[in-house]
Amino acid sequence: MDKNREKIEGKQKNSEFDEKVLDIARVSRVVKGGRRMRFRALVVIGNRNGKIGYGLAKAGEISVAVKKAVTRAKKQLIVVPIINGTIPYQVYTELGSAKVFLKPAKEGTSIVAGGVVRAIAELAGIKNLVSKVMGTPNKTNNTAATFQALSNFDQGIVKKLEDRAKNRAEKKPQADNVNIIQNKSLDKKAKNETPRTEKVK
């Protein structure tokens, strides 16, 4: 198991995507002559800049299953809109028995999530997020539901929010410059003023 993980980590360094194994399960299949044991791997990949994907694959060895899952993940990538380190607006999705709620958070909140949602958010490059997973603890279903939620943002709304954030970012330096100029003028005025003294009779 350790050797397999070392191989996986070595491949991660040579790829534009970071990889994380969310789940490895041992599965069996009844065939002629008995049962055939295999491994099923659930993997999520991301470039930490909005692009993520996930894959599910089976193989006789863990390393092979992970490799196949990564290949599938690269074929079904999605782009997550990220504004100021978080998602544009709150979303809720149901997929089978999985229910996932994602809510944007202010800067400094960090990722308030557990399990697969945290891993997906980190690999997507999301810095602040609040989430809640309900319905089932199944990692495969929750992963699929999370990806469905992150891929269903309305592009029209996202564009408006991006423009608004851009305008705020442009106005902030101007406001800072005005404050600096005002402070300098106040300091200059204070230096020029001389304290009044009253004559004592």
Protein backbone atom coordinates (compact mmCIF):
# COMPACT_ATOMS: atom_id res chain seq x y z
CA MET A 1 0.00 0.00 0.00
CA ASP A 2 2.83 2.45 0.90
CA LYS A 3 4.67 1.71 -2.35
CA ASN A 4 1.50 2.39 -4.32
CA ARG A 5 1.04 5.74 -2.56
CA GLU A 6 4.66 6.71 -3.28
CA LYS A 7 4.13 6.00 -6.98
CA ILE A 8 0.95 8.08 -7.00
CA GLU A 9 2.65 11.03 -5.23
CA GLY A 10 5.52 10.87 -7.70
CA LYS A 11 3.12 11.19 -10.62
CA GLN A 12 1.36 14.11 -8.96
CA LYS A 13 4.56 16.19 -9.04
CA ASN A 14 4.86 15.74 -12.81
CA SER A 15 1.27 16.76 -13.56
CA GLU A 16 -0.46 20.14 -13.77
CA PHE A 17 -3.16 18.64 -11.56
CA ASP A 18 -2.94 17.64 -7.93
CA GLU A 19 -4.61 14.32 -7.17
CA LYS A 20 -6.36 13.01 -4.09
CA VAL A 21 -7.69 9.50 -3.55
CA LEU A 22 -11.08 9.89 -1.88
CA ASP A 23 -11.89 6.23 -1.49
CA ILE A 24 -10.50 2.77 -2.22
CA ALA A 25 -12.84 -0.18 -1.84
CA ARG A 26 -12.42 -3.88 -2.39
CA VAL A 27 -15.15 -5.27 -4.61
CA SER A 28 -15.91 -8.75 -5.86
CA ARG A 29 -17.53 -10.11 -8.95
CA VAL A 30 -18.97 -13.60 -9.32
CA VAL A 31 -17.58 -15.30 -12.40
CA LYS A 32 -17.42 -18.84 -13.65
CA GLY A 33 -15.23 -20.73 -11.23
CA GLY A 34 -15.63 -18.41 -8.23
CA ARG A 35 -15.31 -14.78 -7.21
CA ARG A 36 -13.03 -12.25 -8.79
CA MET A 37 -11.59 -9.71 -6.34
CA ARG A 38 -10.79 -6.20 -7.58
CA PHE A 39 -10.20 -2.69 -6.24
CA ARG A 40 -12.33 0.37 -6.94
CA ALA A 41 -10.72 3.82 -6.69
CA LEU A 42 -12.43 7.20 -6.45
CA VAL A 43 -10.06 10.05 -7.31
CA VAL A 44 -10.47 13.82 -7.62
CA ILE A 45 -7.99 16.06 -9.45
CA GLY A 46 -7.62 19.84 -9.62
CA ASN A 47 -5.23 22.61 -10.60
CA ARG A 48 -6.21 24.76 -7.57
CA ASN A 49 -7.34 27.45 -9.98
CA GLY A 50 -10.96 26.52 -10.72
CA LYS A 51 -10.47 23.39 -12.83
CA ILE A 52 -11.40 20.03 -11.27
CA GLY A 53 -12.55 16.55 -12.25
CA TYR A 54 -13.24 13.17 -10.68
CA GLY A 55 -13.05 9.58 -11.84
CA LEU A 56 -14.12 6.14 -10.66
CA ALA A 57 -12.36 3.00 -11.90
CA LYS A 58 -11.73 -0.65 -11.05
CA ALA A 59 -8.66 -2.83 -11.48
CA GLY A 60 -6.86 -5.82 -10.01
CA GLU A 61 -4.27 -3.54 -8.35
CA ILE A 62 -4.77 -0.32 -6.41
CA SER A 63 -2.19 1.65 -8.40
CA VAL A 64 -3.78 0.60 -11.70
CA ALA A 65 -7.26 1.51 -10.45
CA VAL A 66 -6.04 4.95 -9.35
CA LYS A 67 -4.31 5.54 -12.68
CA LYS A 68 -7.47 4.65 -14.60
CA ALA A 69 -9.55 6.89 -12.33
CA VAL A 70 -7.19 9.84 -12.93
CA THR A 71 -7.42 9.30 -16.69
CA ARG A 72 -11.21 9.35 -16.51
CA ALA A 73 -11.14 12.45 -14.31
CA LYS A 74 -9.10 14.33 -16.91
CA LYS A 75 -11.75 13.54 -19.53
CA GLN A 76 -14.59 15.11 -17.53
CA LEU A 77 -13.16 18.34 -16.15
CA ILE A 78 -15.33 21.25 -15.07
CA VAL A 79 -14.45 24.89 -14.39
CA VAL A 80 -15.68 26.33 -11.10
CA PRO A 81 -16.23 30.12 -11.02
CA ILE A 82 -14.37 31.54 -8.01
CA ILE A 83 -14.92 35.15 -6.92
CA ASN A 84 -12.81 36.57 -4.09
CA GLY A 85 -11.81 33.08 -2.98
CA THR A 86 -15.32 31.64 -2.74
CA ILE A 87 -18.24 30.48 -4.90
CA PRO A 88 -20.56 33.09 -6.50
CA TYR A 89 -23.70 32.21 -4.53
CA GLN A 90 -25.23 29.40 -2.49
CA VAL A 91 -26.35 26.23 -4.26
CA TYR A 92 -28.24 23.11 -3.26
CA THR A 93 -28.44 19.88 -5.20
CA GLU A 94 -29.92 16.41 -4.80
CA LEU A 95 -28.54 13.40 -6.62
CA GLY A 96 -30.14 10.13 -5.63
CA SER A 97 -29.91 9.93 -1.86
CA ALA A 98 -27.13 12.54 -1.68
CA LYS A 99 -27.98 16.12 -0.72
CA VAL A 100 -25.30 18.81 -0.80
CA PHE A 101 -25.59 22.46 0.26
CA LEU A 102 -22.78 24.91 -0.54
CA LYS A 103 -22.66 28.50 0.67
CA PRO A 104 -20.11 31.27 -0.05
CA ALA A 105 -18.15 32.58 2.92
CA LYS A 106 -16.27 35.76 3.81
CA GLU A 107 -12.50 36.01 3.67
CA GLY A 108 -10.92 34.37 6.71
CA THR A 109 -13.68 31.81 7.18
CA SER A 110 -11.68 29.00 5.54
CA ILE A 111 -13.37 25.79 4.37
CA VAL A 112 -16.04 24.65 6.80
CA ALA A 113 -16.62 21.21 5.35
CA GLY A 114 -15.62 17.62 5.83
CA GLY A 115 -14.97 14.54 3.79
CA VAL A 116 -15.12 14.75 0.02
CA VAL A 117 -16.41 18.35 -0.09
CA ARG A 118 -13.29 19.69 1.64
CA ALA A 119 -10.97 17.79 -0.71
CA ILE A 120 -12.87 18.98 -3.79
CA ALA A 121 -12.94 22.60 -2.60
CA GLU A 122 -9.20 22.63 -1.85
CA LEU A 123 -8.26 21.17 -5.24
CA ALA A 124 -10.58 23.64 -6.96
CA GLY A 125 -8.78 26.54 -5.28
CA ILE A 126 -11.71 27.65 -3.12
CA LYS A 127 -10.42 29.35 0.05
CA ASN A 128 -13.64 30.08 1.95
CA LEU A 129 -16.75 27.90 1.92
CA VAL A 130 -19.49 26.58 4.18
CA SER A 131 -21.12 23.27 3.29
CA LYS A 132 -23.47 20.63 4.59
CA VAL A 133 -23.88 17.07 3.32
CA MET A 134 -27.09 15.19 4.07
CA GLY A 135 -28.81 11.98 3.12
CA THR A 136 -26.00 9.45 2.70
CA PRO A 137 -22.39 8.91 3.78
CA ASN A 138 -21.59 7.31 0.40
CA LYS A 139 -18.48 9.08 -0.91
CA THR A 140 -19.18 8.33 -4.56
CA ASN A 141 -22.70 9.79 -4.44
CA ASN A 142 -21.58 12.82 -2.43
CA THR A 143 -18.73 13.49 -4.86
CA ALA A 144 -21.07 13.33 -7.84
CA ALA A 145 -23.58 15.61 -6.10
CA THR A 146 -20.87 18.15 -5.19
CA PHE A 147 -19.63 18.26 -8.78
CA GLN A 148 -23.19 18.70 -10.01
CA ALA A 149 -23.65 21.64 -7.64
CA LEU A 150 -20.37 23.28 -8.70
CA SER A 151 -21.16 22.93 -12.40
CA ASN A 152 -24.68 24.39 -12.27
CA PHE A 153 -23.88 28.07 -11.70
CA ASP A 154 -25.77 30.45 -13.98
CA GLN A 155 -23.16 32.07 -16.23
CA GLY A 156 -25.17 35.28 -16.57
CA ILE A 157 -25.30 35.80 -12.81
CA VAL A 158 -21.65 34.82 -12.45
CA LYS A 159 -20.63 37.42 -15.06
CA LYS A 160 -22.51 40.18 -13.22
CA LEU A 161 -20.94 39.21 -9.89
CA GLU A 162 -17.47 39.10 -11.45
CA ASP A 163 -17.95 42.58 -12.95
CA ARG A 164 -19.19 43.91 -9.61
CA ALA A 165 -16.18 42.45 -7.79
CA LYS A 166 -13.84 43.92 -10.41
CA ASN A 167 -15.38 47.38 -10.04
CA ARG A 168 -15.02 47.23 -6.26
CA ALA A 169 -11.38 46.21 -6.60
CA GLU A 170 -10.74 49.17 -8.93
CA LYS A 171 -12.48 51.67 -6.64
CA LYS A 172 -10.63 50.56 -3.51
CA PRO A 173 -7.16 51.88 -4.53
CA GLN A 174 -8.76 55.22 -5.48
CA ALA A 175 -10.40 55.48 -2.07
CA ASP A 176 -7.11 54.62 -0.37
CA ASN A 177 -5.32 57.35 -2.34
CA VAL A 178 -7.95 59.92 -1.34
CA ASN A 179 -7.51 58.99 2.34
CA ILE A 180 -3.73 59.33 2.05
CA ILE A 181 -4.05 62.79 0.45
CA GLN A 182 -6.52 63.92 3.13
CA ASN A 183 -4.26 62.71 5.92
CA LYS A 184 -1.27 64.52 4.41
CA SER A 185 -3.23 67.78 4.11
CA LEU A 186 -4.39 67.50 7.73
CA ASP A 187 -0.82 66.94 8.92
CA LYS A 188 0.38 69.94 6.93
CA LYS A 189 -2.40 72.12 8.33
CA ALA A 190 -1.58 71.05 11.88
CA LYS A 191 2.08 71.98 11.41
CA ASN A 192 1.22 75.43 10.06
CA GLU A 193 -1.10 76.27 12.91
CA THR A 194 0.54 77.86 15.97
CA PRO A 195 -1.01 77.63 19.41
CA ARG A 196 -2.58 80.86 20.74
CA THR A 197 -1.27 82.34 23.97
CA GLU A 198 -3.22 84.68 26.19
CA LYS A 199 -1.60 87.62 27.99
CA VAL A 200 -1.81 87.49 31.76
CA LYS A 201 -2.84 90.81 33.29
